[in-house]
Amino acid sequence: MRDVSIQGDAIRLGQFLKLADVVDAGSDVKGLLAGGVVRVNGEVESRRGRQLVPGDEVVVAGQELRVG
């Protein structure tokens, strides 16, 4: 599990994936979400604008990330 620090109280899922270097560009997020390979707190997530807060866990492409 890798902690990814954010500034502020929340971050959108698309922004978080870019911050964590899972994707190179925001446009790449759409494909991941459409493929059903992104999980937030154990549930498949398809909304790029999903708000994440510290403590949330994201699993994508074999990477386990925690919002910090």
N, C-alpha and C. Protein backbone atom coordinates (compact mmCIF):
# COMPACT_ATOMS: atom_id res chain seq x y z
N MET A 1 0.86 -1.18 0.00
CA MET A 1 0.00 0.00 0.00
C MET A 1 0.90 1.24 0.00
N ARG A 2 0.69 2.10 -0.98
CA ARG A 2 1.47 3.33 -1.09
C ARG A 2 0.60 4.51 -0.73
N ASP A 3 1.08 5.34 0.20
CA ASP A 3 0.36 6.55 0.58
C ASP A 3 0.68 7.66 -0.40
N VAL A 4 -0.37 8.35 -0.87
CA VAL A 4 -0.22 9.48 -1.77
C VAL A 4 -0.81 10.69 -1.07
N SER A 5 0.04 11.65 -0.74
CA SER A 5 -0.40 12.83 -0.01
C SER A 5 -1.12 13.81 -0.92
N ILE A 6 -2.20 14.37 -0.40
CA ILE A 6 -2.94 15.39 -1.12
C ILE A 6 -2.92 16.67 -0.30
N GLN A 7 -3.22 17.78 -0.98
CA GLN A 7 -3.36 19.05 -0.27
C GLN A 7 -4.85 19.32 -0.18
N GLY A 8 -5.30 19.75 0.96
CA GLY A 8 -6.72 20.01 1.14
C GLY A 8 -7.43 18.81 1.74
N ASP A 9 -8.75 18.92 1.81
CA ASP A 9 -9.56 17.89 2.46
C ASP A 9 -10.02 16.77 1.54
N ALA A 10 -10.03 17.04 0.22
CA ALA A 10 -10.54 16.05 -0.72
C ALA A 10 -9.89 16.26 -2.09
N ILE A 11 -10.01 15.22 -2.93
CA ILE A 11 -9.49 15.28 -4.30
C ILE A 11 -10.38 14.40 -5.16
N ARG A 12 -10.56 14.78 -6.41
CA ARG A 12 -11.34 13.97 -7.34
C ARG A 12 -10.51 12.77 -7.78
N LEU A 13 -11.20 11.67 -8.06
CA LEU A 13 -10.53 10.43 -8.43
C LEU A 13 -9.60 10.61 -9.63
N GLY A 14 -10.06 11.29 -10.65
CA GLY A 14 -9.23 11.51 -11.84
C GLY A 14 -7.96 12.25 -11.52
N GLN A 15 -8.08 13.28 -10.68
CA GLN A 15 -6.90 14.05 -10.28
C GLN A 15 -5.96 13.20 -9.43
N PHE A 16 -6.53 12.37 -8.57
CA PHE A 16 -5.72 11.52 -7.70
C PHE A 16 -4.90 10.52 -8.52
N LEU A 17 -5.53 9.90 -9.53
CA LEU A 17 -4.81 8.93 -10.36
C LEU A 17 -3.67 9.59 -11.11
N LYS A 18 -3.85 10.82 -11.52
CA LYS A 18 -2.78 11.55 -12.20
C LYS A 18 -1.68 11.91 -11.20
N LEU A 19 -2.06 12.37 -10.02
CA LEU A 19 -1.10 12.71 -8.97
C LEU A 19 -0.25 11.51 -8.58
N ALA A 20 -0.87 10.33 -8.54
CA ALA A 20 -0.19 9.10 -8.13
C ALA A 20 0.61 8.47 -9.29
N ASP A 21 0.65 9.14 -10.45
CA ASP A 21 1.37 8.65 -11.62
C ASP A 21 0.85 7.32 -12.14
N VAL A 22 -0.44 7.07 -11.96
CA VAL A 22 -1.07 5.88 -12.53
C VAL A 22 -1.35 6.12 -14.01
N VAL A 23 -1.69 7.37 -14.34
CA VAL A 23 -1.93 7.77 -15.73
C VAL A 23 -1.06 8.98 -16.05
N ASP A 24 -0.78 9.15 -17.34
CA ASP A 24 0.01 10.30 -17.77
C ASP A 24 -0.85 11.54 -17.98
N ALA A 25 -2.07 11.32 -18.47
CA ALA A 25 -2.95 12.44 -18.77
C ALA A 25 -4.35 12.15 -18.25
N GLY A 26 -5.08 13.21 -17.97
CA GLY A 26 -6.44 13.05 -17.47
C GLY A 26 -7.33 12.26 -18.41
N SER A 27 -7.06 12.35 -19.71
CA SER A 27 -7.87 11.63 -20.68
C SER A 27 -7.70 10.11 -20.56
N ASP A 28 -6.60 9.65 -19.99
CA ASP A 28 -6.36 8.22 -19.81
C ASP A 28 -7.26 7.62 -18.71
N VAL A 29 -7.73 8.46 -17.81
CA VAL A 29 -8.56 8.00 -16.70
C VAL A 29 -9.86 7.40 -17.21
N LYS A 30 -10.44 8.02 -18.21
CA LYS A 30 -11.73 7.59 -18.76
C LYS A 30 -11.69 6.11 -19.18
N GLY A 31 -10.62 5.71 -19.85
CA GLY A 31 -10.48 4.33 -20.29
C GLY A 31 -10.39 3.35 -19.13
N LEU A 32 -9.66 3.71 -18.11
CA LEU A 32 -9.54 2.84 -16.93
C LEU A 32 -10.90 2.66 -16.26
N LEU A 33 -11.61 3.76 -16.10
CA LEU A 33 -12.90 3.70 -15.42
C LEU A 33 -13.91 2.90 -16.25
N ALA A 34 -13.88 3.07 -17.55
CA ALA A 34 -14.80 2.33 -18.42
C ALA A 34 -14.53 0.84 -18.38
N GLY A 35 -13.27 0.47 -18.16
CA GLY A 35 -12.90 -0.94 -18.10
C GLY A 35 -13.24 -1.62 -16.79
N GLY A 36 -13.69 -0.85 -15.81
CA GLY A 36 -14.07 -1.43 -14.52
C GLY A 36 -12.91 -1.94 -13.69
N VAL A 37 -11.73 -1.37 -13.90
CA VAL A 37 -10.55 -1.86 -13.19
C VAL A 37 -10.14 -0.98 -12.01
N VAL A 38 -10.93 0.04 -11.72
CA VAL A 38 -10.61 0.93 -10.61
C VAL A 38 -11.56 0.63 -9.46
N ARG A 39 -10.98 0.37 -8.29
CA ARG A 39 -11.79 0.12 -7.09
C ARG A 39 -11.47 1.17 -6.03
N VAL A 40 -12.50 1.68 -5.42
CA VAL A 40 -12.35 2.63 -4.32
C VAL A 40 -13.00 1.99 -3.09
N ASN A 41 -12.22 1.80 -2.06
CA ASN A 41 -12.69 1.17 -0.83
C ASN A 41 -13.39 -0.16 -1.12
N GLY A 42 -12.82 -0.93 -2.06
CA GLY A 42 -13.31 -2.26 -2.36
C GLY A 42 -14.43 -2.34 -3.38
N GLU A 43 -14.95 -1.22 -3.85
CA GLU A 43 -16.05 -1.23 -4.81
C GLU A 43 -15.61 -0.64 -6.14
N VAL A 44 -16.07 -1.24 -7.25
CA VAL A 44 -15.74 -0.73 -8.57
C VAL A 44 -16.29 0.69 -8.70
N GLU A 45 -15.46 1.58 -9.22
CA GLU A 45 -15.85 2.98 -9.38
C GLU A 45 -15.73 3.38 -10.84
N SER A 46 -16.73 4.08 -11.35
CA SER A 46 -16.72 4.51 -12.75
C SER A 46 -16.83 6.02 -12.89
N ARG A 47 -16.89 6.74 -11.77
CA ARG A 47 -17.03 8.21 -11.82
C ARG A 47 -15.69 8.88 -11.63
N ARG A 48 -15.26 9.62 -12.64
CA ARG A 48 -13.98 10.33 -12.57
C ARG A 48 -14.02 11.41 -11.50
N GLY A 49 -15.18 11.97 -11.25
CA GLY A 49 -15.32 13.05 -10.28
C GLY A 49 -15.57 12.60 -8.86
N ARG A 50 -15.50 11.31 -8.59
CA ARG A 50 -15.71 10.79 -7.24
C ARG A 50 -14.76 11.49 -6.28
N GLN A 51 -15.29 12.01 -5.18
CA GLN A 51 -14.47 12.71 -4.19
C GLN A 51 -13.80 11.69 -3.27
N LEU A 52 -12.51 11.83 -3.13
CA LEU A 52 -11.73 10.98 -2.22
C LEU A 52 -11.26 11.83 -1.05
N VAL A 53 -11.24 11.24 0.12
CA VAL A 53 -10.77 11.92 1.32
C VAL A 53 -9.66 11.08 1.94
N PRO A 54 -8.83 11.69 2.79
CA PRO A 54 -7.76 10.91 3.43
C PRO A 54 -8.29 9.63 4.08
N GLY A 55 -7.57 8.54 3.82
CA GLY A 55 -7.96 7.24 4.33
C GLY A 55 -8.61 6.35 3.29
N ASP A 56 -9.15 6.95 2.21
CA ASP A 56 -9.73 6.15 1.14
C ASP A 56 -8.64 5.33 0.46
N GLU A 57 -9.01 4.13 0.02
CA GLU A 57 -8.07 3.24 -0.64
C GLU A 57 -8.50 3.02 -2.08
N VAL A 58 -7.54 3.13 -2.99
CA VAL A 58 -7.79 2.96 -4.42
C VAL A 58 -6.89 1.85 -4.94
N VAL A 59 -7.48 0.92 -5.68
CA VAL A 59 -6.71 -0.17 -6.28
C VAL A 59 -6.93 -0.08 -7.79
N VAL A 60 -5.82 0.00 -8.53
CA VAL A 60 -5.89 0.08 -9.99
C VAL A 60 -4.59 -0.45 -10.58
N ALA A 61 -4.70 -1.23 -11.63
CA ALA A 61 -3.53 -1.76 -12.35
C ALA A 61 -2.51 -2.40 -11.41
N GLY A 62 -2.99 -3.15 -10.44
CA GLY A 62 -2.10 -3.84 -9.52
C GLY A 62 -1.49 -2.97 -8.45
N GLN A 63 -1.83 -1.70 -8.44
CA GLN A 63 -1.30 -0.77 -7.45
C GLN A 63 -2.34 -0.51 -6.35
N GLU A 64 -1.89 -0.55 -5.12
CA GLU A 64 -2.75 -0.23 -3.99
C GLU A 64 -2.31 1.12 -3.44
N LEU A 65 -3.23 2.07 -3.46
CA LEU A 65 -2.92 3.45 -3.07
C LEU A 65 -3.85 3.89 -1.95
N ARG A 66 -3.32 4.70 -1.04
CA ARG A 66 -4.13 5.27 0.03
C ARG A 66 -4.03 6.78 -0.02
N VAL A 67 -5.16 7.44 0.05
CA VAL A 67 -5.18 8.90 0.07
C VAL A 67 -4.65 9.36 1.42
N GLY A 68 -3.64 10.22 1.38
CA GLY A 68 -3.03 10.66 2.63
C GLY A 68 -3.11 12.14 2.83
